[in-house]
Amino acid sequence: MKNSQGIPEWVPLEKDDIIVERMHIHYGMKDRNPVSRLRFFTKGASRDTVGEPVKDRIYQTSMPVVFEEFAVRVFCRTQVIIRLSLI
């Protein structure tokens, strides 16, 4: 069946028409929390004071639960789609 522009509505896909992209996104330390490496000082700390890590419970509501994500994106390209965009 063809649409009003005479272009077939169903077109068989070829292997080259499909693009699969795997994505791995993280915050620099893979699955570990990057804030765990930071040290914080109190407001009145002296120069000799060593910074302390902040406790997880203090910032847990504003931090993501997962520090890395995996995703798969699938794209399709065919000549029919290119022709439709030119119309």
N, C-alpha and C. Protein backbone atom coordinates (compact mmCIF):
# COMPACT_ATOMS: atom_id res chain seq x y z
N MET A 1 0.84 -1.17 0.00
CA MET A 1 0.00 0.00 0.00
C MET A 1 0.90 1.24 0.00
N LYS A 2 0.45 2.29 -0.71
CA LYS A 2 1.21 3.53 -0.80
C LYS A 2 0.43 4.66 -0.16
N ASN A 3 1.17 5.66 0.34
CA ASN A 3 0.51 6.82 0.93
C ASN A 3 0.16 7.83 -0.16
N SER A 4 -0.29 9.03 0.24
CA SER A 4 -0.74 10.02 -0.74
C SER A 4 0.39 10.54 -1.64
N GLN A 5 1.66 10.43 -1.21
CA GLN A 5 2.79 10.86 -2.03
C GLN A 5 3.31 9.72 -2.92
N GLY A 6 2.66 8.57 -2.86
CA GLY A 6 3.07 7.45 -3.69
C GLY A 6 4.25 6.66 -3.11
N ILE A 7 4.56 6.87 -1.85
CA ILE A 7 5.67 6.17 -1.21
C ILE A 7 5.10 4.99 -0.42
N PRO A 8 5.70 3.82 -0.55
CA PRO A 8 5.19 2.65 0.18
C PRO A 8 5.21 2.88 1.69
N GLU A 9 4.11 2.43 2.37
CA GLU A 9 4.04 2.59 3.82
C GLU A 9 4.91 1.57 4.53
N TRP A 10 5.07 0.40 3.97
CA TRP A 10 5.89 -0.66 4.57
C TRP A 10 7.10 -0.91 3.69
N VAL A 11 8.26 -0.79 4.29
CA VAL A 11 9.49 -1.00 3.54
C VAL A 11 10.32 -2.04 4.30
N PRO A 12 10.79 -3.08 3.64
CA PRO A 12 11.61 -4.06 4.35
C PRO A 12 12.94 -3.43 4.77
N LEU A 13 13.38 -3.73 5.98
CA LEU A 13 14.63 -3.18 6.49
C LEU A 13 15.80 -4.08 6.13
N GLU A 14 16.91 -3.45 5.85
CA GLU A 14 18.16 -4.16 5.61
C GLU A 14 19.04 -4.02 6.85
N LYS A 15 20.09 -4.80 6.92
CA LYS A 15 21.00 -4.75 8.06
C LYS A 15 21.60 -3.35 8.22
N ASP A 16 21.94 -2.69 7.14
CA ASP A 16 22.54 -1.36 7.20
C ASP A 16 21.56 -0.25 7.59
N ASP A 17 20.27 -0.55 7.61
CA ASP A 17 19.26 0.44 8.00
C ASP A 17 19.19 0.63 9.52
N ILE A 18 19.72 -0.31 10.28
CA ILE A 18 19.62 -0.27 11.74
C ILE A 18 20.97 0.09 12.35
N ILE A 19 20.96 1.05 13.27
CA ILE A 19 22.16 1.44 14.00
C ILE A 19 21.87 1.18 15.48
N VAL A 20 22.73 0.42 16.13
CA VAL A 20 22.59 0.14 17.56
C VAL A 20 23.77 0.76 18.27
N GLU A 21 23.49 1.58 19.27
CA GLU A 21 24.54 2.26 20.02
C GLU A 21 24.43 1.88 21.49
N ARG A 22 25.50 1.32 22.03
CA ARG A 22 25.55 1.00 23.46
C ARG A 22 26.21 2.17 24.19
N MET A 23 25.61 2.58 25.30
CA MET A 23 26.14 3.72 26.05
C MET A 23 26.48 3.29 27.47
N HIS A 24 27.59 3.79 27.98
CA HIS A 24 27.99 3.59 29.37
C HIS A 24 28.32 4.96 29.93
N ILE A 25 27.50 5.43 30.86
CA ILE A 25 27.65 6.76 31.43
C ILE A 25 27.95 6.59 32.92
N HIS A 26 28.97 7.30 33.40
CA HIS A 26 29.26 7.26 34.83
C HIS A 26 29.83 8.60 35.28
N TYR A 27 29.99 8.77 36.57
CA TYR A 27 30.45 10.03 37.15
C TYR A 27 31.95 10.04 37.41
N GLY A 28 32.70 9.25 36.71
CA GLY A 28 34.16 9.26 36.82
C GLY A 28 34.74 8.13 37.65
N MET A 29 33.92 7.45 38.43
CA MET A 29 34.43 6.37 39.27
C MET A 29 33.63 5.09 39.07
N LYS A 30 33.12 4.90 37.88
CA LYS A 30 32.29 3.73 37.55
C LYS A 30 31.11 3.63 38.52
N ASP A 31 31.00 2.54 39.28
CA ASP A 31 29.83 2.34 40.14
C ASP A 31 30.01 2.89 41.55
N ARG A 32 31.13 3.57 41.82
CA ARG A 32 31.37 4.11 43.17
C ARG A 32 30.95 5.57 43.26
N ASN A 33 30.62 6.00 44.46
CA ASN A 33 30.17 7.35 44.74
C ASN A 33 31.36 8.31 44.71
N PRO A 34 31.41 9.28 43.80
CA PRO A 34 32.54 10.19 43.73
C PRO A 34 32.65 11.12 44.94
N VAL A 35 31.55 11.41 45.62
CA VAL A 35 31.58 12.29 46.79
C VAL A 35 32.32 11.62 47.95
N SER A 36 32.41 10.31 47.96
CA SER A 36 33.09 9.61 49.04
C SER A 36 34.58 9.95 49.09
N ARG A 37 35.15 10.46 48.00
CA ARG A 37 36.56 10.83 47.96
C ARG A 37 36.82 12.26 48.41
N LEU A 38 35.77 13.05 48.56
CA LEU A 38 35.93 14.45 48.96
C LEU A 38 36.07 14.58 50.47
N ARG A 39 36.75 15.62 50.89
CA ARG A 39 36.92 15.93 52.31
C ARG A 39 36.36 17.33 52.55
N PHE A 40 35.70 17.52 53.68
CA PHE A 40 35.06 18.78 53.99
C PHE A 40 35.60 19.33 55.30
N PHE A 41 35.62 20.65 55.41
CA PHE A 41 36.11 21.34 56.61
C PHE A 41 34.95 22.09 57.25
N THR A 42 34.99 22.19 58.57
CA THR A 42 33.98 22.99 59.27
C THR A 42 34.32 24.46 59.08
N LYS A 43 33.36 25.30 59.35
CA LYS A 43 33.53 26.73 59.11
C LYS A 43 34.69 27.32 59.94
N GLY A 44 34.87 26.91 61.20
CA GLY A 44 35.91 27.47 62.04
C GLY A 44 37.18 26.64 62.08
N ALA A 45 37.45 25.84 61.08
CA ALA A 45 38.62 24.94 61.10
C ALA A 45 39.91 25.74 60.99
N SER A 46 40.93 25.27 61.70
CA SER A 46 42.25 25.92 61.64
C SER A 46 43.02 25.35 60.45
N ARG A 47 44.19 25.89 60.20
CA ARG A 47 45.00 25.43 59.06
C ARG A 47 45.50 24.00 59.24
N ASP A 48 45.60 23.53 60.50
CA ASP A 48 46.11 22.19 60.76
C ASP A 48 45.03 21.12 60.64
N THR A 49 43.79 21.53 60.53
CA THR A 49 42.68 20.58 60.52
C THR A 49 42.70 19.73 59.25
N VAL A 50 42.42 18.46 59.45
CA VAL A 50 42.30 17.54 58.32
C VAL A 50 40.82 17.42 57.98
N GLY A 51 40.50 17.54 56.72
CA GLY A 51 39.11 17.45 56.30
C GLY A 51 38.54 16.08 56.57
N GLU A 52 37.23 16.02 56.78
CA GLU A 52 36.56 14.76 57.06
C GLU A 52 35.55 14.46 55.95
N PRO A 53 35.38 13.18 55.65
CA PRO A 53 34.34 12.84 54.67
C PRO A 53 32.96 13.13 55.26
N VAL A 54 32.06 13.56 54.43
CA VAL A 54 30.70 13.83 54.89
C VAL A 54 29.96 12.50 54.98
N LYS A 55 29.11 12.37 55.96
CA LYS A 55 28.36 11.12 56.15
C LYS A 55 27.27 11.00 55.08
N ASP A 56 27.07 9.78 54.59
CA ASP A 56 26.10 9.54 53.52
C ASP A 56 24.70 10.02 53.88
N ARG A 57 24.31 9.87 55.13
CA ARG A 57 22.94 10.23 55.51
C ARG A 57 22.67 11.72 55.38
N ILE A 58 23.72 12.55 55.39
CA ILE A 58 23.54 14.00 55.30
C ILE A 58 23.10 14.42 53.90
N TYR A 59 23.64 13.79 52.88
CA TYR A 59 23.30 14.20 51.51
C TYR A 59 22.58 13.14 50.70
N GLN A 60 22.10 12.08 51.33
CA GLN A 60 21.52 10.98 50.57
C GLN A 60 20.27 11.37 49.80
N THR A 61 19.52 12.40 50.24
CA THR A 61 18.32 12.80 49.51
C THR A 61 18.64 13.55 48.22
N SER A 62 19.85 14.10 48.10
CA SER A 62 20.20 14.86 46.90
C SER A 62 21.17 14.11 45.98
N MET A 63 21.53 12.90 46.32
CA MET A 63 22.46 12.11 45.51
C MET A 63 21.72 11.00 44.78
N PRO A 64 22.16 10.66 43.59
CA PRO A 64 21.54 9.53 42.90
C PRO A 64 21.86 8.22 43.62
N VAL A 65 21.01 7.24 43.44
CA VAL A 65 21.22 5.93 44.05
C VAL A 65 22.24 5.14 43.25
N VAL A 66 22.25 5.34 41.95
CA VAL A 66 23.15 4.61 41.04
C VAL A 66 24.11 5.62 40.42
N PHE A 67 25.38 5.25 40.30
CA PHE A 67 26.39 6.17 39.79
C PHE A 67 26.86 5.84 38.39
N GLU A 68 26.32 4.80 37.79
CA GLU A 68 26.61 4.52 36.38
C GLU A 68 25.36 3.96 35.73
N GLU A 69 25.24 4.20 34.45
CA GLU A 69 24.07 3.75 33.70
C GLU A 69 24.52 3.11 32.41
N PHE A 70 23.76 2.12 32.00
CA PHE A 70 23.97 1.47 30.71
C PHE A 70 22.68 1.64 29.92
N ALA A 71 22.82 1.97 28.65
CA ALA A 71 21.64 2.17 27.81
C ALA A 71 21.95 1.68 26.40
N VAL A 72 20.90 1.34 25.69
CA VAL A 72 21.01 0.95 24.29
C VAL A 72 20.06 1.84 23.51
N ARG A 73 20.58 2.48 22.47
CA ARG A 73 19.75 3.30 21.59
C ARG A 73 19.73 2.63 20.22
N VAL A 74 18.56 2.60 19.61
CA VAL A 74 18.40 1.98 18.30
C VAL A 74 17.87 3.03 17.34
N PHE A 75 18.56 3.18 16.22
CA PHE A 75 18.16 4.13 15.18
C PHE A 75 17.88 3.37 13.90
N CYS A 76 17.01 3.93 13.07
CA CYS A 76 16.70 3.32 11.79
C CYS A 76 16.85 4.37 10.69
N ARG A 77 17.53 4.01 9.63
CA ARG A 77 17.64 4.93 8.50
C ARG A 77 17.30 4.16 7.22
N THR A 78 16.43 4.74 6.45
CA THR A 78 16.07 4.15 5.15
C THR A 78 15.92 5.28 4.15
N GLN A 79 15.99 4.96 2.91
CA GLN A 79 15.82 5.96 1.87
C GLN A 79 14.41 6.55 1.90
N VAL A 80 13.42 5.78 2.29
CA VAL A 80 12.04 6.26 2.33
C VAL A 80 11.94 7.41 3.35
N ILE A 81 12.56 7.28 4.49
CA ILE A 81 12.50 8.33 5.51
C ILE A 81 13.19 9.59 4.99
N ILE A 82 14.31 9.43 4.30
CA ILE A 82 15.01 10.59 3.73
C ILE A 82 14.14 11.29 2.72
N ARG A 83 13.45 10.54 1.87
CA ARG A 83 12.56 11.13 0.87
C ARG A 83 11.40 11.87 1.53
N LEU A 84 10.85 11.30 2.61
CA LEU A 84 9.72 11.92 3.29
C LEU A 84 10.14 13.26 3.90
N SER A 85 11.36 13.34 4.40
CA SER A 85 11.80 14.59 5.02
C SER A 85 12.02 15.69 3.99
N LEU A 86 12.24 15.35 2.74
CA LEU A 86 12.44 16.34 1.69
C LEU A 86 11.12 16.88 1.12
N ILE A 87 10.02 16.20 1.39
CA ILE A 87 8.73 16.61 0.85
C ILE A 87 8.14 17.77 1.61
